[in-house]
PDB file of N, CA and C in Angstrom:
ATOM      1  N   UNK A   1      89.694 107.338  75.126  1.00  0.00           N
ATOM      2  CA  UNK A   1      88.298 106.958  75.174  1.00  0.00           C
ATOM      3  C   UNK A   1      88.158 105.670  75.988  1.00  0.00           C
ATOM      4  N   UNK A   2      87.321 105.692  76.991  1.00  0.00           N
ATOM      5  CA  UNK A   2      87.085 104.530  77.840  1.00  0.00           C
ATOM      6  C   UNK A   2      85.974 103.688  77.224  1.00  0.00           C
ATOM      7  N   UNK A   3      86.297 102.445  76.911  1.00  0.00           N
ATOM      8  CA  UNK A   3      85.261 101.568  76.358  1.00  0.00           C
ATOM      9  C   UNK A   3      85.189 100.268  77.150  1.00  0.00           C
ATOM     10  N   UNK A   4      85.260 100.411  78.455  1.00  0.00           N
ATOM     11  CA  UNK A   4      85.047  99.293  79.347  1.00  0.00           C
ATOM     12  C   UNK A   4      84.231  99.789  80.530  1.00  0.00           C
ATOM     13  N   UNK A   5      83.677  98.869  81.292  1.00  0.00           N
ATOM     14  CA  UNK A   5      82.909  99.251  82.476  1.00  0.00           C
ATOM     15  C   UNK A   5      83.564  98.634  83.703  1.00  0.00           C
ATOM     16  N   UNK A   6      83.298  99.229  84.840  1.00  0.00           N
ATOM     17  CA  UNK A   6      83.816  98.703  86.098  1.00  0.00           C
ATOM     18  C   UNK A   6      82.651  98.382  87.018  1.00  0.00           C
ATOM     19  N   UNK A   7      82.895  97.423  87.891  1.00  0.00           N
ATOM     20  CA  UNK A   7      81.900  97.069  88.894  1.00  0.00           C
ATOM     21  C   UNK A   7      82.619  96.400  90.057  1.00  0.00           C
ATOM     22  N   UNK A   8      81.916  96.269  91.171  1.00  0.00           N
ATOM     23  CA  UNK A   8      82.486  95.580  92.315  1.00  0.00           C
ATOM     24  C   UNK A   8      82.745  94.116  91.967  1.00  0.00           C
ATOM     25  N   UNK A   9      83.868  93.604  92.418  1.00  0.00           N
ATOM     26  CA  UNK A   9      84.193  92.197  92.189  1.00  0.00           C
ATOM     27  C   UNK A   9      83.344  91.323  93.094  1.00  0.00           C
ATOM     28  N   UNK A  10      82.923  90.188  92.556  1.00  0.00           N
ATOM     29  CA  UNK A  10      82.203  89.168  93.307  1.00  0.00           C
ATOM     30  C   UNK A  10      83.011  87.883  93.242  1.00  0.00           C
ATOM     31  N   UNK A  11      82.816  87.003  94.206  1.00  0.00           N
ATOM     32  CA  UNK A  11      83.583  85.767  94.212  1.00  0.00           C
ATOM     33  C   UNK A  11      83.307  84.936  92.951  1.00  0.00           C
ATOM     34  N   UNK A  12      82.182  85.127  92.337  1.00  0.00           N
ATOM     35  CA  UNK A  12      81.870  84.421  91.086  1.00  0.00           C
ATOM     36  C   UNK A  12      82.815  84.832  89.954  1.00  0.00           C
ATOM     37  N   UNK A  13      83.507  85.940  90.109  1.00  0.00           N
ATOM     38  CA  UNK A  13      84.472  86.407  89.111  1.00  0.00           C
ATOM     39  C   UNK A  13      85.835  85.730  89.265  1.00  0.00           C
ATOM     40  N   UNK A  14      86.014  84.948  90.314  1.00  0.00           N
ATOM     41  CA  UNK A  14      87.335  84.437  90.653  1.00  0.00           C
ATOM     42  C   UNK A  14      88.017  83.701  89.500  1.00  0.00           C
ATOM     43  N   UNK A  15      87.341  82.784  88.851  1.00  0.00           N
ATOM     44  CA  UNK A  15      87.989  82.000  87.789  1.00  0.00           C
ATOM     45  C   UNK A  15      88.515  82.897  86.676  1.00  0.00           C
ATOM     46  N   UNK A  16      87.724  83.873  86.257  1.00  0.00           N
ATOM     47  CA  UNK A  16      88.159  84.783  85.193  1.00  0.00           C
ATOM     48  C   UNK A  16      89.307  85.668  85.673  1.00  0.00           C
ATOM     49  N   UNK A  17      89.249  86.112  86.910  1.00  0.00           N
ATOM     50  CA  UNK A  17      90.322  86.938  87.474  1.00  0.00           C
ATOM     51  C   UNK A  17      91.602  86.111  87.582  1.00  0.00           C
ATOM     52  N   UNK A  18      91.482  84.874  88.029  1.00  0.00           N
ATOM     53  CA  UNK A  18      92.664  84.018  88.148  1.00  0.00           C
ATOM     54  C   UNK A  18      93.296  83.765  86.779  1.00  0.00           C
ATOM     55  N   UNK A  19      92.465  83.565  85.763  1.00  0.00           N
ATOM     56  CA  UNK A  19      93.001  83.399  84.401  1.00  0.00           C
ATOM     57  C   UNK A  19      93.734  84.658  83.956  1.00  0.00           C
ATOM     58  N   UNK A  20      93.180  85.816  84.279  1.00  0.00           N
ATOM     59  CA  UNK A  20      93.836  87.082  83.949  1.00  0.00           C
ATOM     60  C   UNK A  20      95.193  87.157  84.637  1.00  0.00           C
ATOM     61  N   UNK A  21      95.221  86.921  85.943  1.00  0.00           N
ATOM     62  CA  UNK A  21      96.484  86.954  86.682  1.00  0.00           C
ATOM     63  C   UNK A  21      97.489  85.973  86.096  1.00  0.00           C
ATOM     64  N   UNK A  22      97.030  84.775  85.786  1.00  0.00           N
ATOM     65  CA  UNK A  22      97.927  83.732  85.267  1.00  0.00           C
ATOM     66  C   UNK A  22      98.527  84.099  83.918  1.00  0.00           C
ATOM     67  N   UNK A  23      97.856  84.934  83.157  1.00  0.00           N
ATOM     68  CA  UNK A  23      98.320  85.327  81.840  1.00  0.00           C
ATOM     69  C   UNK A  23      99.255  86.517  81.829  1.00  0.00           C
ATOM     70  N   UNK A  24      99.535  87.080  82.990  1.00  0.00           N
ATOM     71  CA  UNK A  24     100.390  88.263  83.066  1.00  0.00           C
ATOM     72  C   UNK A  24     101.785  87.836  83.514  1.00  0.00           C
ATOM     73  N   UNK A  25     102.741  88.041  82.629  1.00  0.00           N
ATOM     74  CA  UNK A  25     104.121  87.673  82.926  1.00  0.00           C
ATOM     75  C   UNK A  25     104.632  88.450  84.130  1.00  0.00           C
ATOM     76  N   UNK A  26     105.217  87.743  85.083  1.00  0.00           N
ATOM     77  CA  UNK A  26     105.783  88.376  86.259  1.00  0.00           C
ATOM     78  C   UNK A  26     104.782  88.635  87.378  1.00  0.00           C
ATOM     79  N   UNK A  27     103.530  88.268  87.163  1.00  0.00           N
ATOM     80  CA  UNK A  27     102.518  88.457  88.208  1.00  0.00           C
ATOM     81  C   UNK A  27     102.760  87.429  89.297  1.00  0.00           C
ATOM     82  N   UNK A  28     103.139  87.882  90.468  1.00  0.00           N
ATOM     83  CA  UNK A  28     103.395  86.966  91.574  1.00  0.00           C
ATOM     84  C   UNK A  28     102.106  86.602  92.279  1.00  0.00           C
ATOM     85  N   UNK A  29     101.863  85.317  92.417  1.00  0.00           N
ATOM     86  CA  UNK A  29     100.674  84.862  93.115  1.00  0.00           C
ATOM     87  C   UNK A  29     101.100  83.901  94.212  1.00  0.00           C
ATOM     88  N   UNK A  30     100.354  83.941  95.304  1.00  0.00           N
ATOM     89  CA  UNK A  30     100.640  83.050  96.426  1.00  0.00           C
ATOM     90  C   UNK A  30      99.472  82.090  96.584  1.00  0.00           C
ATOM     91  N   UNK A  31      99.777  80.828  96.748  1.00  0.00           N
ATOM     92  CA  UNK A  31      98.734  79.805  96.748  1.00  0.00           C
ATOM     93  C   UNK A  31      97.695  80.018  97.846  1.00  0.00           C
ATOM     94  N   UNK A  32      98.098  80.507  98.992  1.00  0.00           N
ATOM     95  CA  UNK A  32      97.137  80.699 100.075  1.00  0.00           C
ATOM     96  C   UNK A  32      96.311  81.964  99.877  1.00  0.00           C
ATOM     97  N   UNK A  33      96.968  83.101  99.715  1.00  0.00           N
ATOM     98  CA  UNK A  33      96.259  84.377  99.611  1.00  0.00           C
ATOM     99  C   UNK A  33      95.464  84.514  98.325  1.00  0.00           C
ATOM    100  N   UNK A  34      95.954  83.974  97.233  1.00  0.00           N
ATOM    101  CA  UNK A  34      95.294  84.143  95.942  1.00  0.00           C
ATOM    102  C   UNK A  34      94.417  82.957  95.555  1.00  0.00           C
ATOM    103  N   UNK A  35      94.217  82.045  96.484  1.00  0.00           N
ATOM    104  CA  UNK A  35      93.291  80.935  96.244  1.00  0.00           C
ATOM    105  C   UNK A  35      91.861  81.480  96.279  1.00  0.00           C
ATOM    106  N   UNK A  36      90.920  80.679  95.828  1.00  0.00           N
ATOM    107  CA  UNK A  36      89.528  81.137  95.842  1.00  0.00           C
ATOM    108  C   UNK A  36      89.071  81.419  97.273  1.00  0.00           C
ATOM    109  N   UNK A  37      89.444  80.579  98.215  1.00  0.00           N
ATOM    110  CA  UNK A  37      89.031  80.832  99.603  1.00  0.00           C
ATOM    111  C   UNK A  37      89.727  82.072 100.165  1.00  0.00           C
ATOM    112  N   UNK A  38      90.992  82.292  99.803  1.00  0.00           N
ATOM    113  CA  UNK A  38      91.693  83.493 100.253  1.00  0.00           C
ATOM    114  C   UNK A  38      91.071  84.764  99.699  1.00  0.00           C
ATOM    115  N   UNK A  39      90.744  84.749  98.424  1.00  0.00           N
ATOM    116  CA  UNK A  39      90.101  85.923  97.807  1.00  0.00           C
ATOM    117  C   UNK A  39      88.699  86.121  98.368  1.00  0.00           C
ATOM    118  N   UNK A  40      88.000  85.025  98.635  1.00  0.00           N
ATOM    119  CA  UNK A  40      86.663  85.136  99.227  1.00  0.00           C
ATOM    120  C   UNK A  40      86.735  85.842 100.582  1.00  0.00           C
ATOM    121  N   UNK A  41      87.690  85.469 101.408  1.00  0.00           N
ATOM    122  CA  UNK A  41      87.864  86.143 102.708  1.00  0.00           C
ATOM    123  C   UNK A  41      88.206  87.622 102.508  1.00  0.00           C
ATOM    124  N   UNK A  42      89.079  87.922 101.543  1.00  0.00           N
ATOM    125  CA  UNK A  42      89.475  89.302 101.269  1.00  0.00           C
ATOM    126  C   UNK A  42      88.263  90.130 100.835  1.00  0.00           C
ATOM    127  N   UNK A  43      87.427  89.573  99.958  1.00  0.00           N
ATOM    128  CA  UNK A  43      86.237  90.297  99.494  1.00  0.00           C
ATOM    129  C   UNK A  43      85.252  90.535 100.630  1.00  0.00           C
ATOM    130  N   UNK A  44      85.124  89.578 101.529  1.00  0.00           N
ATOM    131  CA  UNK A  44      84.206  89.756 102.663  1.00  0.00           C
ATOM    132  C   UNK A  44      84.690  90.857 103.600  1.00  0.00           C
ATOM    133  N   UNK A  45      86.012  90.980 103.764  1.00  0.00           N
ATOM    134  CA  UNK A  45      86.567  92.037 104.625  1.00  0.00           C
ATOM    135  C   UNK A  45      86.582  93.400 103.932  1.00  0.00           C
ATOM    136  N   UNK A  46      86.572  93.400 102.605  1.00  0.00           N
ATOM    137  CA  UNK A  46      86.694  94.640 101.815  1.00  0.00           C
ATOM    138  C   UNK A  46      85.649  94.652 100.704  1.00  0.00           C
ATOM    139  N   UNK A  47      84.375  94.666 101.040  1.00  0.00           N
ATOM    140  CA  UNK A  47      83.330  94.491 100.030  1.00  0.00           C
ATOM    141  C   UNK A  47      83.146  95.654  99.058  1.00  0.00           C
ATOM    142  N   UNK A  48      83.666  96.814  99.396  1.00  0.00           N
ATOM    143  CA  UNK A  48      83.425  97.991  98.549  1.00  0.00           C
ATOM    144  C   UNK A  48      84.679  98.562  97.910  1.00  0.00           C
ATOM    145  N   UNK A  49      85.791  97.822  97.944  1.00  0.00           N
ATOM    146  CA  UNK A  49      87.047  98.363  97.421  1.00  0.00           C
ATOM    147  C   UNK A  49      87.724  97.440  96.418  1.00  0.00           C
ATOM    148  N   UNK A  50      87.010  96.442  95.930  1.00  0.00           N
ATOM    149  CA  UNK A  50      87.582  95.492  94.974  1.00  0.00           C
ATOM    150  C   UNK A  50      86.750  95.543  93.694  1.00  0.00           C
ATOM    151  N   UNK A  51      87.429  95.784  92.577  1.00  0.00           N
ATOM    152  CA  UNK A  51      86.720  96.032  91.323  1.00  0.00           C
ATOM    153  C   UNK A  51      87.269  95.197  90.185  1.00  0.00           C
ATOM    154  N   UNK A  52      86.396  94.924  89.214  1.00  0.00           N
ATOM    155  CA  UNK A  52      86.825  94.339  87.945  1.00  0.00           C
ATOM    156  C   UNK A  52      86.439  95.310  86.842  1.00  0.00           C
ATOM    157  N   UNK A  53      87.209  95.278  85.769  1.00  0.00           N
ATOM    158  CA  UNK A  53      86.892  96.036  84.562  1.00  0.00           C
ATOM    159  C   UNK A  53      86.473  95.016  83.510  1.00  0.00           C
ATOM    160  N   UNK A  54      85.407  95.308  82.791  1.00  0.00           N
ATOM    161  CA  UNK A  54      84.902  94.408  81.764  1.00  0.00           C
ATOM    162  C   UNK A  54      84.838  95.100  80.411  1.00  0.00           C
ATOM    163  N   UNK A  55      85.165  94.345  79.397  1.00  0.00           N
ATOM    164  CA  UNK A  55      85.036  94.796  78.021  1.00  0.00           C
ATOM    165  C   UNK A  55      84.496  93.624  77.223  1.00  0.00           C
ATOM    166  N   UNK A  56      83.423  93.843  76.498  1.00  0.00           N
ATOM    167  CA  UNK A  56      82.791  92.781  75.714  1.00  0.00           C
ATOM    168  C   UNK A  56      82.515  91.551  76.571  1.00  0.00           C
ATOM    169  N   UNK A  57      81.991  91.761  77.768  1.00  0.00           N
ATOM    170  CA  UNK A  57      81.619  90.699  78.712  1.00  0.00           C
ATOM    171  C   UNK A  57      82.798  89.859  79.194  1.00  0.00           C
ATOM    172  N   UNK A  58      84.012  90.370  79.067  1.00  0.00           N
ATOM    173  CA  UNK A  58      85.205  89.670  79.551  1.00  0.00           C
ATOM    174  C   UNK A  58      85.900  90.551  80.581  1.00  0.00           C
ATOM    175  N   UNK A  59      86.392  89.937  81.639  1.00  0.00           N
ATOM    176  CA  UNK A  59      87.143  90.686  82.639  1.00  0.00           C
ATOM    177  C   UNK A  59      88.523  90.978  82.080  1.00  0.00           C
ATOM    178  N   UNK A  60      88.846  92.259  81.996  1.00  0.00           N
ATOM    179  CA  UNK A  60      90.129  92.690  81.433  1.00  0.00           C
ATOM    180  C   UNK A  60      91.011  93.390  82.461  1.00  0.00           C
ATOM    181  N   UNK A  61      90.499  93.592  83.649  1.00  0.00           N
ATOM    182  CA  UNK A  61      91.280  94.238  84.691  1.00  0.00           C
ATOM    183  C   UNK A  61      90.693  93.959  86.055  1.00  0.00           C
ATOM    184  N   UNK A  62      91.530  94.068  87.063  1.00  0.00           N
ATOM    185  CA  UNK A  62      91.089  93.846  88.443  1.00  0.00           C
ATOM    186  C   UNK A  62      91.944  94.686  89.377  1.00  0.00           C
ATOM    187  N   UNK A  63      91.320  95.204  90.415  1.00  0.00           N
ATOM    188  CA  UNK A  63      92.060  95.890  91.467  1.00  0.00           C
ATOM    189  C   UNK A  63      91.446  95.469  92.795  1.00  0.00           C
ATOM    190  N   UNK A  64      92.294  95.010  93.686  1.00  0.00           N
ATOM    191  CA  UNK A  64      91.877  94.630  95.034  1.00  0.00           C
ATOM    192  C   UNK A  64      92.514  95.609  95.998  1.00  0.00           C
ATOM    193  N   UNK A  65      91.698  96.254  96.802  1.00  0.00           N
ATOM    194  CA  UNK A  65      92.211  97.225  97.762  1.00  0.00           C
ATOM    195  C   UNK A  65      91.658  96.921  99.145  1.00  0.00           C
ATOM    196  N   UNK A  66      92.453  97.194 100.134  1.00  0.00           N
ATOM    197  CA  UNK A  66      92.023  97.088 101.527  1.00  0.00           C
ATOM    198  C   UNK A  66      92.310  98.417 102.193  1.00  0.00           C
ATOM    199  N   UNK A  67      91.392  98.858 103.010  1.00  0.00           N
ATOM    200  CA  UNK A  67      91.574 100.122 103.707  1.00  0.00           C
ATOM    201  C   UNK A  67      91.560  99.853 105.202  1.00  0.00           C
ATOM    202  N   UNK A  68      92.622 100.244 105.868  1.00  0.00           N
ATOM    203  CA  UNK A  68      92.646 100.184 107.327  1.00  0.00           C
ATOM    204  C   UNK A  68      92.414 101.606 107.821  1.00  0.00           C
ATOM    205  N   UNK A  69      92.522 101.803 109.093  1.00  0.00           N
ATOM    206  CA  UNK A  69      92.242 103.136 109.633  1.00  0.00           C
ATOM    207  C   UNK A  69      93.236 104.190 109.167  1.00  0.00           C
ATOM    208  N   UNK A  70      94.453 103.782 108.819  1.00  0.00           N
ATOM    209  CA  UNK A  70      95.466 104.774 108.479  1.00  0.00           C
ATOM    210  C   UNK A  70      96.075 104.607 107.087  1.00  0.00           C
ATOM    211  N   UNK A  71      95.733 103.556 106.357  1.00  0.00           N
ATOM    212  CA  UNK A  71      96.422 103.350 105.092  1.00  0.00           C
ATOM    213  C   UNK A  71      95.562 102.605 104.077  1.00  0.00           C
ATOM    214  N   UNK A  72      95.927 102.758 102.844  1.00  0.00           N
ATOM    215  CA  UNK A  72      95.317 102.044 101.731  1.00  0.00           C
ATOM    216  C   UNK A  72      96.322 100.995 101.284  1.00  0.00           C
ATOM    217  N   UNK A  73      95.877  99.779 101.127  1.00  0.00           N
ATOM    218  CA  UNK A  73      96.742  98.675 100.735  1.00  0.00           C
ATOM    219  C   UNK A  73      96.185  98.074  99.459  1.00  0.00           C
ATOM    220  N   UNK A  74      97.004  97.980  98.439  1.00  0.00           N
ATOM    221  CA  UNK A  74      96.572  97.453  97.141  1.00  0.00           C
ATOM    222  C   UNK A  74      97.442  96.256  96.778  1.00  0.00           C
ATOM    223  N   UNK A  75      97.051  95.042  97.199  1.00  0.00           N
ATOM    224  CA  UNK A  75      97.887  93.879  96.943  1.00  0.00           C
ATOM    225  C   UNK A  75      97.866  93.392  95.506  1.00  0.00           C
ATOM    226  N   UNK A  76      96.829  93.689  94.766  1.00  0.00           N
ATOM    227  CA  UNK A  76      96.732  93.202  93.396  1.00  0.00           C
ATOM    228  C   UNK A  76      96.081  94.239  92.494  1.00  0.00           C
ATOM    229  N   UNK A  77      96.746  94.537  91.424  1.00  0.00           N
ATOM    230  CA  UNK A  77      96.213  95.421  90.402  1.00  0.00           C
ATOM    231  C   UNK A  77      96.743  94.886  89.080  1.00  0.00           C
ATOM    232  N   UNK A  78      95.857  94.514  88.180  1.00  0.00           N
ATOM    233  CA  UNK A  78      96.295  93.896  86.932  1.00  0.00           C
ATOM    234  C   UNK A  78      95.342  94.263  85.807  1.00  0.00           C
ATOM    235  N   UNK A  79      95.884  94.327  84.588  1.00  0.00           N
ATOM    236  CA  UNK A  79      95.073  94.562  83.399  1.00  0.00           C
ATOM    237  C   UNK A  79      95.632  93.769  82.230  1.00  0.00           C
ATOM    238  N   UNK A  80      94.738  93.262  81.420  1.00  0.00           N
ATOM    239  CA  UNK A  80      95.148  92.562  80.208  1.00  0.00           C
ATOM    240  C   UNK A  80      95.832  93.570  79.287  1.00  0.00           C
ATOM    241  N   UNK A  81      96.949  93.195  78.704  1.00  0.00           N
ATOM    242  CA  UNK A  81      97.726  94.120  77.866  1.00  0.00           C
ATOM    243  C   UNK A  81      96.885  94.721  76.756  1.00  0.00           C
ATOM    244  N   UNK A  82      96.018  93.961  76.150  1.00  0.00           N
ATOM    245  CA  UNK A  82      95.195  94.464  75.054  1.00  0.00           C
ATOM    246  C   UNK A  82      94.172  95.478  75.527  1.00  0.00           C
ATOM    247  N   UNK A  83      93.922  95.562  76.821  1.00  0.00           N
ATOM    248  CA  UNK A  83      92.911  96.478  77.349  1.00  0.00           C
ATOM    249  C   UNK A  83      93.523  97.741  77.943  1.00  0.00           C
ATOM    250  N   UNK A  84      94.823  97.851  78.002  1.00  0.00           N
ATOM    251  CA  UNK A  84      95.448  98.988  78.671  1.00  0.00           C
ATOM    252  C   UNK A  84      95.217 100.304  77.960  1.00  0.00           C
ATOM    253  N   UNK A  85      94.866 100.290  76.700  1.00  0.00           N
ATOM    254  CA  UNK A  85      94.606 101.539  75.966  1.00  0.00           C
ATOM    255  C   UNK A  85      93.129 101.764  75.715  1.00  0.00           C
ATOM    256  N   UNK A  86      92.270 101.171  76.544  1.00  0.00           N
ATOM    257  CA  UNK A  86      90.826 101.302  76.336  1.00  0.00           C
ATOM    258  C   UNK A  86      90.370 102.735  76.496  1.00  0.00           C
TER     259      UNK A  86
END
């Protein structure tokens, strides 16, 4: 049973997304690419392929995707452990 909603990610979600990433053991983050300015540039280049999942008004998951002419690239996909069985 799905009890969360998804929507396009906005740069205003960055702080909550960064907290999510920071709380996941083994999640590799790079200071340049995963900074707020780096994510802002990524969202501007890929406005329709980056999503957050929300449950009880909290971001519990995120997926960032980029599509080029020949491939799909997914540099970040993360979910809070407590939300994986939603």
